[in-house]
Protein backbone atom coordinates (compact mmCIF):
# COMPACT_ATOMS: atom_id res chain seq x y z
CA UNK A 1 10.34 10.77 11.94
CA UNK A 2 6.72 9.86 10.07
CA UNK A 3 6.05 11.55 7.21
CA UNK A 4 2.80 14.25 6.93
CA UNK A 5 -0.31 13.01 5.44
CA UNK A 6 -2.50 15.83 3.26
CA UNK A 7 -5.94 14.83 2.41
CA UNK A 8 -6.29 15.72 -1.25
CA UNK A 9 -9.96 16.70 -2.94
CA UNK A 10 -11.26 16.89 -6.11
CA UNK A 11 -10.12 20.64 -6.12
CA UNK A 12 -7.06 20.07 -5.25
CA UNK A 13 -6.41 17.30 -8.17
CA UNK A 14 -8.61 19.96 -11.07
CA UNK A 15 -6.27 22.65 -9.67
CA UNK A 16 -3.49 20.37 -12.02
CA UNK A 17 -5.73 21.59 -14.77
CA UNK A 18 -6.18 25.22 -14.26
CA UNK A 19 -4.25 27.76 -15.67
CA UNK A 20 -4.71 29.92 -12.05
CA UNK A 21 -4.11 27.06 -9.51
CA UNK A 22 -2.08 24.85 -11.64
CA UNK A 23 1.25 25.83 -10.29
CA UNK A 24 0.46 24.89 -6.79
CA UNK A 25 -1.85 22.14 -7.07
CA UNK A 26 1.24 20.64 -9.53
CA UNK A 27 3.95 21.70 -6.63
CA UNK A 28 1.88 19.34 -4.22
CA UNK A 29 1.57 16.94 -6.45
CA UNK A 30 5.35 16.76 -7.41
CA UNK A 31 5.91 16.76 -3.43
CA UNK A 32 3.97 13.70 -3.39
CA UNK A 33 6.13 12.18 -6.22
CA UNK A 34 9.31 13.30 -4.14
CA UNK A 35 8.08 11.00 -0.79
CA UNK A 36 7.81 14.45 0.82
CA UNK A 37 4.49 14.25 2.04
CA UNK A 38 1.68 11.14 1.84
CA UNK A 39 -1.51 11.76 -0.01
CA UNK A 40 -4.59 10.70 1.30
CA UNK A 41 -7.92 10.59 -1.02
CA UNK A 42 -11.34 9.15 -0.02
CA UNK A 43 -13.29 6.60 -2.13
CA UNK A 44 -15.86 9.17 -3.07
CA UNK A 45 -12.97 11.23 -4.15
CA UNK A 46 -11.13 8.28 -6.58
CA UNK A 47 -14.28 7.56 -7.61
CA UNK A 48 -14.90 11.36 -8.83
CA UNK A 49 -11.42 11.87 -10.21
CA UNK A 50 -10.86 7.82 -12.88
CA UNK A 51 -13.31 9.03 -14.91
CA UNK A 52 -11.26 12.66 -15.74
CA UNK A 53 -7.97 11.28 -15.51
CA UNK A 54 -9.00 8.43 -18.20
CA UNK A 55 -10.11 11.47 -20.29
CA UNK A 56 -7.19 13.29 -19.85
CA UNK A 57 -5.04 10.60 -20.47
CA UNK A 58 -6.93 10.29 -24.19
CA UNK A 59 -6.30 14.27 -24.82
CA UNK A 60 -3.07 14.61 -24.08
CA UNK A 61 -3.33 16.44 -21.18
CA UNK A 62 -0.66 15.49 -18.42
CA UNK A 63 -0.45 16.41 -14.61
CA UNK A 64 3.10 15.34 -12.55
């Protein structure tokens, strides 16, 4: 059976760092890490989050 592919927008990824949305965004990322779903990103989303991920790594923030 094929795994469900889920498109991620920047708001889902940004939700990992927002207290209000972190429980849902982080749970979805945990599902991706567990192999339950396949994440899909556009090149635009990848370009938008790349600088933010670099900044969060330097500041010590983390996501699953």
